[in-house]
C-alpha atoms as a PDB file:
ATOM      1  CA  MET A   1       0.000   0.000   0.000  1.00  0.00           C
ATOM      2  CA  ILE A   2       2.838   2.388   0.804  1.00  0.00           C
ATOM      3  CA  THR A   3       3.982   2.234  -2.840  1.00  0.00           C
ATOM      4  CA  TYR A   4       0.458   2.909  -4.118  1.00  0.00           C
ATOM      5  CA  ASN A   5       0.119   6.071  -6.231  1.00  0.00           C
ATOM      6  CA  PRO A   6      -3.127   7.793  -5.106  1.00  0.00           C
ATOM      7  CA  ILE A   7      -2.720  10.551  -7.680  1.00  0.00           C
ATOM      8  CA  ALA A   8      -3.067   8.196 -10.651  1.00  0.00           C
ATOM      9  CA  ASP A   9      -6.601   7.091  -9.752  1.00  0.00           C
ATOM     10  CA  LEU A  10      -7.750  10.712  -9.599  1.00  0.00           C
ATOM     11  CA  SER A  11      -7.500  10.955 -13.377  1.00  0.00           C
ATOM     12  CA  SER A  12     -10.775   9.032 -13.649  1.00  0.00           C
ATOM     13  CA  PHE A  13     -12.725  12.106 -12.467  1.00  0.00           C
ATOM     14  CA  ILE A  14     -10.168  14.960 -12.353  1.00  0.00           C
ATOM     15  CA  PRO A  15      -8.140  15.713 -15.530  1.00  0.00           C
ATOM     16  CA  PRO A  16      -4.359  15.750 -14.944  1.00  0.00           C
ATOM     17  CA  ILE A  17      -4.202  19.288 -16.331  1.00  0.00           C
ATOM     18  CA  ALA A  18      -6.564  20.454 -13.559  1.00  0.00           C
ATOM     19  CA  MET A  19      -4.281  18.919 -10.922  1.00  0.00           C
ATOM     20  CA  GLN A  20      -1.251  20.572 -12.506  1.00  0.00           C
ATOM     21  CA  ILE A  21      -2.970  23.963 -12.626  1.00  0.00           C
ATOM     22  CA  TYR A  22      -3.824  23.593  -8.939  1.00  0.00           C
ATOM     23  CA  ILE A  23      -0.166  22.913  -8.062  1.00  0.00           C
ATOM     24  CA  VAL A  24       0.971  25.956 -10.049  1.00  0.00           C
ATOM     25  CA  ALA A  25      -1.699  28.071  -8.337  1.00  0.00           C
ATOM     26  CA  MET A  26      -0.453  26.973  -4.907  1.00  0.00           C
ATOM     27  CA  VAL A  27       3.121  27.920  -5.845  1.00  0.00           C
ATOM     28  CA  ILE A  28       1.915  31.351  -6.969  1.00  0.00           C
ATOM     29  CA  LEU A  29       0.022  31.784  -3.686  1.00  0.00           C
ATOM     30  CA  VAL A  30       3.148  30.955  -1.682  1.00  0.00           C
ATOM     31  CA  ILE A  31       5.321  33.349  -3.687  1.00  0.00           C
ATOM     32  CA  GLY A  32       2.716  36.105  -3.584  1.00  0.00           C
ATOM     33  CA  GLY A  33       2.003  35.584   0.103  1.00  0.00           C
ATOM     34  CA  THR A  34       5.700  35.672   0.956  1.00  0.00           C
ATOM     35  CA  ILE A  35       6.211  38.909  -0.990  1.00  0.00           C
ATOM     36  CA  LEU A  36       3.184  40.523   0.666  1.00  0.00           C
ATOM     37  CA  ASP A  37       4.368  39.310   4.071  1.00  0.00           C
ATOM     38  CA  THR A  38       7.783  40.854   3.419  1.00  0.00           C
ATOM     39  CA  LEU A  39       6.231  44.169   2.395  1.00  0.00           C
ATOM     40  CA  HIS A  40       3.703  44.198   5.238  1.00  0.00           C
ATOM     41  CA  LYS A  41       6.208  43.400   7.982  1.00  0.00           C
ATOM     42  CA  LYS A  42       9.043  45.255   6.227  1.00  0.00           C
ATOM     43  CA  SER A  43      11.227  42.199   6.833  1.00  0.00           C
ATOM     44  CA  ALA A  44      13.430  42.697   3.773  1.00  0.00           C
ATOM     45  CA  LYS A  45      13.905  46.418   4.524  1.00  0.00           C
ATOM     46  CA  TYR A  46      14.936  45.630   8.102  1.00  0.00           C
ATOM     47  CA  PHE A  47      17.181  42.778   6.975  1.00  0.00           C
ATOM     48  CA  PHE A  48      19.150  44.835   4.447  1.00  0.00           C
ATOM     49  CA  ALA A  49      19.374  47.838   6.789  1.00  0.00           C
ATOM     50  CA  SER A  50      20.714  45.599   9.547  1.00  0.00           C
ATOM     51  CA  ALA A  51      23.197  44.011   7.140  1.00  0.00           C
ATOM     52  CA  ARG A  52      24.468  47.441   6.012  1.00  0.00           C
ATOM     53  CA  GLU A  53      24.865  48.572   9.616  1.00  0.00           C
ATOM     54  CA  ALA A  54      26.740  45.396  10.547  1.00  0.00           C
ATOM     55  CA  GLU A  55      29.080  45.840   7.580  1.00  0.00           C
ATOM     56  CA  ALA A  56      29.640  49.529   8.277  1.00  0.00           C
ATOM     57  CA  ARG A  57      30.500  48.888  11.947  1.00  0.00           C
ATOM     58  CA  ALA A  58      32.505  45.726  11.312  1.00  0.00           C
ATOM     59  CA  ARG A  59      35.813  45.469  13.147  1.00  0.00           C
ATOM     60  CA  ARG A  60      37.353  43.574  10.252  1.00  0.00           C
ATOM     61  CA  PRO A  61      36.171  43.091   6.680  1.00  0.00           C
ATOM     62  CA  LEU A  62      35.345  39.615   5.427  1.00  0.00           C
ATOM     63  CA  GLY A  63      36.581  38.274   2.117  1.00  0.00           C
ATOM     64  CA  SER A  64      34.486  36.414  -0.421  1.00  0.00           C
ATOM     65  CA  ALA A  65      35.947  33.057   0.619  1.00  0.00           C
ATOM     66  CA  GLU A  66      34.984  33.664   4.260  1.00  0.00           C
ATOM     67  CA  LYS A  67      31.446  34.642   3.303  1.00  0.00           C
ATOM     68  CA  VAL A  68      31.087  31.514   1.177  1.00  0.00           C
ATOM     69  CA  SER A  69      32.373  29.424   4.079  1.00  0.00           C
ATOM     70  CA  ILE A  70      29.853  31.077   6.431  1.00  0.00           C
ATOM     71  CA  ALA A  71      27.058  30.446   3.934  1.00  0.00           C
ATOM     72  CA  VAL A  72      27.985  26.753   3.751  1.00  0.00           C
ATOM     73  CA  LYS A  73      28.127  26.478   7.550  1.00  0.00           C
ATOM     74  CA  THR A  74      24.748  28.194   7.808  1.00  0.00           C
ATOM     75  CA  ALA A  75      23.226  25.828   5.267  1.00  0.00           C
ATOM     76  CA  LEU A  76      24.622  22.726   6.963  1.00  0.00           C
ATOM     77  CA  HIS A  77      24.169  23.680  10.613  1.00  0.00           C
ATOM     78  CA  ASP A  78      21.255  26.109  10.844  1.00  0.00           C
ATOM     79  CA  VAL A  79      19.171  24.895   7.899  1.00  0.00           C
ATOM     80  CA  ALA A  80      19.921  21.224   7.219  1.00  0.00           C
ATOM     81  CA  ALA A  81      20.498  20.264  10.870  1.00  0.00           C
ATOM     82  CA  SER A  82      18.287  22.889  12.601  1.00  0.00           C
ATOM     83  CA  GLY A  83      21.191  23.703  14.887  1.00  0.00           C
ATOM     84  CA  GLU A  84      19.449  26.753  16.354  1.00  0.00           C
ATOM     85  CA  PHE A  85      17.349  24.478  18.578  1.00  0.00           C
ATOM     86  CA  CYS A  86      19.034  23.796  21.912  1.00  0.00           C
ATOM     87  CA  ASN A  87      16.425  21.243  22.957  1.00  0.00           C
ATOM     88  CA  THR A  88      17.114  17.849  21.351  1.00  0.00           C
ATOM     89  CA  ARG A  89      13.431  16.841  21.281  1.00  0.00           C
ATOM     90  CA  ARG A  90      12.495  20.102  19.580  1.00  0.00           C
ATOM     91  CA  ARG A  91      15.220  19.667  17.008  1.00  0.00           C
ATOM     92  CA  VAL A  92      14.244  16.090  16.185  1.00  0.00           C
ATOM     93  CA  ALA A  93      10.567  17.017  15.870  1.00  0.00           C
ATOM     94  CA  HIS A  94      11.459  19.967  13.657  1.00  0.00           C
ATOM     95  CA  LEU A  95      13.706  17.846  11.416  1.00  0.00           C
ATOM     96  CA  LEU A  96      11.028  15.188  11.015  1.00  0.00           C
ATOM     97  CA  THR A  97       8.460  17.806  10.076  1.00  0.00           C
ATOM     98  CA  MET A  98      10.773  19.771   7.780  1.00  0.00           C
ATOM     99  CA  TYR A  99      12.171  16.865   5.799  1.00  0.00           C
ATOM    100  CA  GLY A 100       8.801  15.123   5.733  1.00  0.00           C
ATOM    101  CA  PHE A 101       7.222  18.250   4.247  1.00  0.00           C
ATOM    102  CA  ILE A 102       9.995  18.516   1.637  1.00  0.00           C
ATOM    103  CA  PHE A 103       9.598  14.842   0.661  1.00  0.00           C
ATOM    104  CA  PHE A 104       5.814  15.158   0.488  1.00  0.00           C
ATOM    105  CA  VAL A 105       5.813  18.317  -1.646  1.00  0.00           C
ATOM    106  CA  LEU A 106       8.482  17.067  -4.060  1.00  0.00           C
ATOM    107  CA  ALA A 107       6.823  13.660  -4.437  1.00  0.00           C
ATOM    108  CA  THR A 108       3.437  15.306  -5.004  1.00  0.00           C
ATOM    109  CA  ALA A 109       4.865  17.490  -7.778  1.00  0.00           C
ATOM    110  CA  VAL A 110       6.559  14.493  -9.441  1.00  0.00           C
ATOM    111  CA  LEU A 111       3.395  12.367  -9.280  1.00  0.00           C
ATOM    112  CA  VAL A 112       1.136  15.136 -10.569  1.00  0.00           C
ATOM    113  CA  PHE A 113       3.357  16.254 -13.450  1.00  0.00           C
ATOM    114  CA  ALA A 114       5.101  13.014 -14.442  1.00  0.00           C
ATOM    115  CA  TYR A 115       2.839  10.134 -13.381  1.00  0.00           C
ATOM    116  CA  PRO A 116      -0.745  11.465 -13.167  1.00  0.00           C
ATOM    117  CA  THR A 117      -2.511   8.459 -14.743  1.00  0.00           C
ATOM    118  CA  PRO A 118      -2.439   4.652 -14.455  1.00  0.00           C
ATOM    119  CA  GLN A 119      -1.037   4.561 -18.011  1.00  0.00           C
ATOM    120  CA  THR A 120       2.149   6.217 -16.696  1.00  0.00           C
ATOM    121  CA  PRO A 121       3.043   4.074 -13.656  1.00  0.00           C
ATOM    122  CA  ALA A 122       5.345   5.772 -11.192  1.00  0.00           C
ATOM    123  CA  PRO A 123       8.517   4.124  -9.847  1.00  0.00           C
ATOM    124  CA  ALA A 124       7.785   2.574  -6.459  1.00  0.00           C
ATOM    125  CA  TYR A 125      10.100   4.955  -4.612  1.00  0.00           C
ATOM    126  CA  VAL A 126       8.086   8.079  -5.572  1.00  0.00           C
ATOM    127  CA  PRO A 127       4.768   7.146  -3.870  1.00  0.00           C
ATOM    128  CA  LEU A 128       6.855   5.587  -1.103  1.00  0.00           C
ATOM    129  CA  LEU A 129       8.483   8.994  -0.567  1.00  0.00           C
ATOM    130  CA  TRP A 130       5.020  10.618  -0.689  1.00  0.00           C
ATOM    131  CA  HIS A 131       3.651   8.401   2.093  1.00  0.00           C
ATOM    132  CA  LEU A 132       6.869   8.505   4.113  1.00  0.00           C
ATOM    133  CA  GLY A 133       6.974  12.310   3.932  1.00  0.00           C
ATOM    134  CA  ALA A 134       3.366  12.659   5.096  1.00  0.00           C
ATOM    135  CA  LEU A 135       4.006  10.196   7.920  1.00  0.00           C
ATOM    136  CA  MET A 136       7.136  12.070   9.030  1.00  0.00           C
ATOM    137  CA  VAL A 137       5.182  15.345   9.127  1.00  0.00           C
ATOM    138  CA  CYS A 138       2.494  13.705  11.264  1.00  0.00           C
ATOM    139  CA  ILE A 139       5.006  12.183  13.689  1.00  0.00           C
ATOM    140  CA  GLY A 140       7.049  15.358  14.084  1.00  0.00           C
ATOM    141  CA  GLY A 141       4.047  17.703  14.031  1.00  0.00           C
ATOM    142  CA  TYR A 142       1.869  15.850  16.510  1.00  0.00           C
ATOM    143  CA  TRP A 143       4.846  15.273  18.798  1.00  0.00           C
ATOM    144  CA  PHE A 144       5.521  19.006  18.737  1.00  0.00           C
ATOM    145  CA  TRP A 145       1.859  19.938  19.259  1.00  0.00           C
ATOM    146  CA  PHE A 146       1.008  17.589  22.115  1.00  0.00           C
ATOM    147  CA  ARG A 147       4.355  17.120  23.891  1.00  0.00           C
ATOM    148  CA  ILE A 148       6.784  19.942  23.092  1.00  0.00           C
ATOM    149  CA  ARG A 149       4.781  23.065  22.272  1.00  0.00           C
ATOM    150  CA  VAL A 150       2.692  22.720  25.415  1.00  0.00           C
ATOM    151  CA  ASP A 151       4.401  22.908  28.781  1.00  0.00           C
ATOM    152  CA  VAL A 152       1.485  23.158  31.172  1.00  0.00           C
ATOM    153  CA  ALA A 153       3.740  23.163  34.229  1.00  0.00           C
ATOM    154  CA  ALA A 154       5.718  26.151  32.938  1.00  0.00           C
ATOM    155  CA  GLU A 155       3.061  28.160  31.120  1.00  0.00           C
ATOM    156  CA  GLY A 156      -0.311  26.724  32.081  1.00  0.00           C
ATOM    157  CA  HIS A 157      -1.491  26.559  28.444  1.00  0.00           C
ATOM    158  CA  PRO A 158      -3.397  23.399  27.403  1.00  0.00           C
ATOM    159  CA  TRP A 159      -2.858  21.729  24.009  1.00  0.00           C
ATOM    160  CA  TYR A 160      -6.192  23.011  22.700  1.00  0.00           C
ATOM    161  CA  ARG A 161      -5.208  26.682  23.145  1.00  0.00           C
ATOM    162  CA  VAL A 162      -4.956  27.954  19.549  1.00  0.00           C
ATOM    163  CA  VAL A 163      -3.726  31.346  18.320  1.00  0.00           C
ATOM    164  CA  ARG A 164      -3.272  32.711  14.810  1.00  0.00           C
ATOM    165  CA  ALA A 165       0.404  31.775  14.789  1.00  0.00           C
ATOM    166  CA  ASP A 166      -0.685  28.109  14.965  1.00  0.00           C
ATOM    167  CA  LEU A 167      -2.389  28.324  11.555  1.00  0.00           C
ATOM    168  CA  PHE A 168       0.680  26.982   9.767  1.00  0.00           C
ATOM    169  CA  ILE A 169       1.301  23.904  11.910  1.00  0.00           C
ATOM    170  CA  LEU A 170      -2.403  23.021  12.139  1.00  0.00           C
ATOM    171  CA  SER A 171      -3.028  23.319   8.388  1.00  0.00           C
ATOM    172  CA  LEU A 172       0.211  21.411   7.732  1.00  0.00           C
ATOM    173  CA  LEU A 173      -0.889  18.579  10.024  1.00  0.00           C
ATOM    174  CA  ALA A 174      -4.381  18.551   8.530  1.00  0.00           C
ATOM    175  CA  THR A 175      -3.007  18.399   4.981  1.00  0.00           C
ATOM    176  CA  ASN A 176      -0.739  15.439   5.628  1.00  0.00           C
ATOM    177  CA  THR A 177      -3.194  13.616   7.891  1.00  0.00           C
ATOM    178  CA  PHE A 178      -6.028  13.859   5.375  1.00  0.00           C
ATOM    179  CA  ALA A 179      -3.624  12.867   2.571  1.00  0.00           C
ATOM    180  CA  LEU A 180      -2.698   9.645   4.360  1.00  0.00           C
ATOM    181  CA  ILE A 181      -6.303   8.803   5.246  1.00  0.00           C
ATOM    182  CA  TRP A 182      -7.439   9.528   1.682  1.00  0.00           C
ATOM    183  CA  SER A 183      -4.699   7.315   0.243  1.00  0.00           C
ATOM    184  CA  VAL A 184      -5.571   4.399   2.539  1.00  0.00           C
ATOM    185  CA  LEU A 185      -9.306   4.680   1.833  1.00  0.00           C
ATOM    186  CA  GLN A 186      -8.827   5.002  -1.912  1.00  0.00           C
ATOM    187  CA  TRP A 187      -6.446   2.011  -1.945  1.00  0.00           C
ATOM    188  CA  ALA A 188      -9.074   0.024  -0.010  1.00  0.00           C
ATOM    189  CA  GLY A 189     -11.816   1.084  -2.440  1.00  0.00           C
ATOM    190  CA  ALA A 190     -13.811   3.015   0.157  1.00  0.00           C
ATOM    191  CA  GLY A 191     -15.522   5.147  -2.505  1.00  0.00           C
ATOM    192  CA  THR A 192     -17.496   7.959  -0.863  1.00  0.00           C
ATOM    193  CA  TRP A 193     -15.275   8.125   2.213  1.00  0.00           C
ATOM    194  CA  ALA A 194     -12.166   8.326   0.034  1.00  0.00           C
ATOM    195  CA  THR A 195     -13.705  11.175  -1.966  1.00  0.00           C
ATOM    196  CA  ALA A 196     -14.671  13.040   1.222  1.00  0.00           C
ATOM    197  CA  PHE A 197     -11.143  12.852   2.653  1.00  0.00           C
ATOM    198  CA  PHE A 198      -9.655  13.827  -0.697  1.00  0.00           C
ATOM    199  CA  TRP A 199     -11.592  17.095  -0.657  1.00  0.00           C
ATOM    200  CA  LEU A 200     -10.609  17.643   2.978  1.00  0.00           C
ATOM    201  CA  PHE A 201      -7.018  17.154   1.852  1.00  0.00           C
ATOM    202  CA  VAL A 202      -7.453  19.720  -0.933  1.00  0.00           C
ATOM    203  CA  LEU A 203      -9.177  22.199   1.411  1.00  0.00           C
ATOM    204  CA  SER A 204      -6.479  21.966   4.086  1.00  0.00           C
ATOM    205  CA  ALA A 205      -3.714  22.247   1.455  1.00  0.00           C
ATOM    206  CA  THR A 206      -5.384  25.362   0.052  1.00  0.00           C
ATOM    207  CA  VAL A 207      -5.492  26.866   3.547  1.00  0.00           C
ATOM    208  CA  LEU A 208      -1.836  25.932   4.108  1.00  0.00           C
ATOM    209  CA  PHE A 209      -0.543  27.540   0.911  1.00  0.00           C
ATOM    210  CA  GLY A 210      -3.121  30.289   0.661  1.00  0.00           C
ATOM    211  CA  THR A 211      -2.664  31.827   4.104  1.00  0.00           C
ATOM    212  CA  VAL A 212       1.073  32.545   3.965  1.00  0.00           C
ATOM    213  CA  LEU A 213       0.400  36.193   4.758  1.00  0.00           C
ATOM    214  CA  TRP A 214      -1.279  35.311   8.077  1.00  0.00           C
ATOM    215  CA  SER A 215       0.642  32.192   9.110  1.00  0.00           C
ATOM    216  CA  LYS A 216       4.291  31.446   9.889  1.00  0.00           C
ATOM    217  CA  PHE A 217       4.867  29.821   6.483  1.00  0.00           C
ATOM    218  CA  ALA A 218       7.063  32.667   5.218  1.00  0.00           C
ATOM    219  CA  HIS A 219       9.158  32.365   8.371  1.00  0.00           C
ATOM    220  CA  MET A 220      10.990  29.383   6.872  1.00  0.00           C
ATOM    221  CA  PHE A 221      12.365  31.602   4.097  1.00  0.00           C
ATOM    222  CA  PHE A 222      13.618  34.316   6.468  1.00  0.00           C
ATOM    223  CA  LYS A 223      15.333  32.088   9.032  1.00  0.00           C
ATOM    224  CA  PRO A 224      18.300  31.042   6.835  1.00  0.00           C
ATOM    225  CA  ALA A 225      18.962  34.663   5.842  1.00  0.00           C
ATOM    226  CA  ALA A 226      18.807  35.809   9.476  1.00  0.00           C
ATOM    227  CA  ALA A 227      21.104  32.967  10.568  1.00  0.00           C
ATOM    228  CA  TYR A 228      23.619  33.858   7.847  1.00  0.00           C
ATOM    229  CA  GLN A 229      23.541  37.535   8.790  1.00  0.00           C
ATOM    230  CA  ARG A 230      24.176  36.714  12.443  1.00  0.00           C
ATOM    231  CA  ARG A 231      27.140  34.499  11.592  1.00  0.00           C
ATOM    232  CA  VAL A 232      28.614  37.264   9.426  1.00  0.00           C
ATOM    233  CA  ALA A 233      28.140  39.783  12.241  1.00  0.00           C
ATOM    234  CA  GLU A 234      29.865  37.407  14.662  1.00  0.00           C
ATOM    235  CA  ALA A 235      32.764  36.873  12.266  1.00  0.00           C
ATOM    236  CA  ASN A 236      33.362  40.563  11.495  1.00  0.00           C
ATOM    237  CA  GLY A 237      33.180  41.588  15.159  1.00  0.00           C
ATOM    238  CA  TYR A 238      29.990  43.676  14.919  1.00  0.00           C
ATOM    239  CA  LEU A 239      28.251  41.746  17.708  1.00  0.00           C
ATOM    240  CA  ASP A 240      31.152  42.411  20.094  1.00  0.00           C
ATOM    241  CA  ASP A 241      29.790  45.944  20.583  1.00  0.00           C
ATOM    242  CA  LEU A 242      26.251  44.771  21.392  1.00  0.00           C
ATOM    243  CA  PRO A 243      24.808  43.508  24.725  1.00  0.00           C
ATOM    244  CA  PRO A 244      24.259  39.727  25.032  1.00  0.00           C
ATOM    245  CA  PRO A 245      20.988  38.358  23.613  1.00  0.00           C
ATOM    246  CA  ALA A 246      18.071  38.307  26.023  1.00  0.00           C
ATOM    247  CA  ASP A 247      17.712  34.529  25.735  1.00  0.00           C
ATOM    248  CA  GLU A 248      21.232  33.852  27.048  1.00  0.00           C
ATOM    249  CA  PRO A 249      21.712  33.229  30.785  1.00  0.00           C
ATOM    250  CA  ALA A 250      23.180  36.338  32.353  1.00  0.00           C
ATOM    251  CA  GLN A 251      23.440  37.997  35.751  1.00  0.00           C
ATOM    252  CA  TYR A 252      21.327  41.033  36.410  1.00  0.00           C
ATOM    253  CA  GLY A 253      20.960  43.647  39.105  1.00  0.00           C
ATOM    254  CA  LEU A 254      19.882  41.437  42.034  1.00  0.00           C
ATOM    255  CA  GLY A 255      22.458  38.751  41.325  1.00  0.00           C
ATOM    256  CA  ILE A 256      19.813  36.420  39.875  1.00  0.00           C
ATOM    257  CA  ASN A 257      20.886  34.017  37.155  1.00  0.00           C
ATOM    258  CA  ARG A 258      18.333  33.874  34.354  1.00  0.00           C
ATOM    259  CA  GLU A 259      17.562  30.418  33.031  1.00  0.00           C
ATOM    260  CA  LEU A 260      16.075  29.407  29.710  1.00  0.00           C
ATOM    261  CA  PRO A 261      12.430  28.293  29.827  1.00  0.00           C
ATOM    262  CA  ARG A 262      11.947  24.565  30.282  1.00  0.00           C
ATOM    263  CA  HIS A 263      10.158  24.249  26.939  1.00  0.00           C
ATOM    264  CA  TYR A 264      12.830  26.112  24.908  1.00  0.00           C
END
């Protein structure tokens, strides 16, 4: 079942061109939402202004080779390995969700554009990657939602407390959960139930990709740039003139050592 291609059977009632147009529309929504988010929050303006200030106040200039080296380190440590997370559980959950989402999206695009009908059977590894990606998102996402995000002892917030910032993770979980259920039901020939969960899958995916402006979706594009900028500022000595970050343990007026929150 895990190598079953659920996309191919859709061609009996949804033309492949319609599925491909939908994928393109979702990509446009993500790009448009990210641009609008950048303009609304002035993220790009702040980023470039901060970069110019860091370069102007640098204690030593960095060469091109050093900047390339920093970019590689940022990609490997901060992006690929999510090294910014101090908590091991948080990092593992994030990596499962991130790589699962990447696998799921890439496999979906390959199935829709290259193998959309039973007459073009997909290699077994592509639907396998599709199911594995969705399962990884569910494992990492639900672990984060029920066990890591909520620290009742520290904050007193139950798991069902939802704010607008949770729109991304909830729509992401809904998309991948409904995708898996739809695939299982369609493989089992459940008919009406399979169709119902397919449309729930489409609805949740539309919410996920169509609400970039109001969710934390665009955040994933800004984090690597911010991590790179911080590494450059550390290397050129700009951060030496600034006070320590607020999230680092430090001693303050009454001699009290600040500690990181338990859920960090």
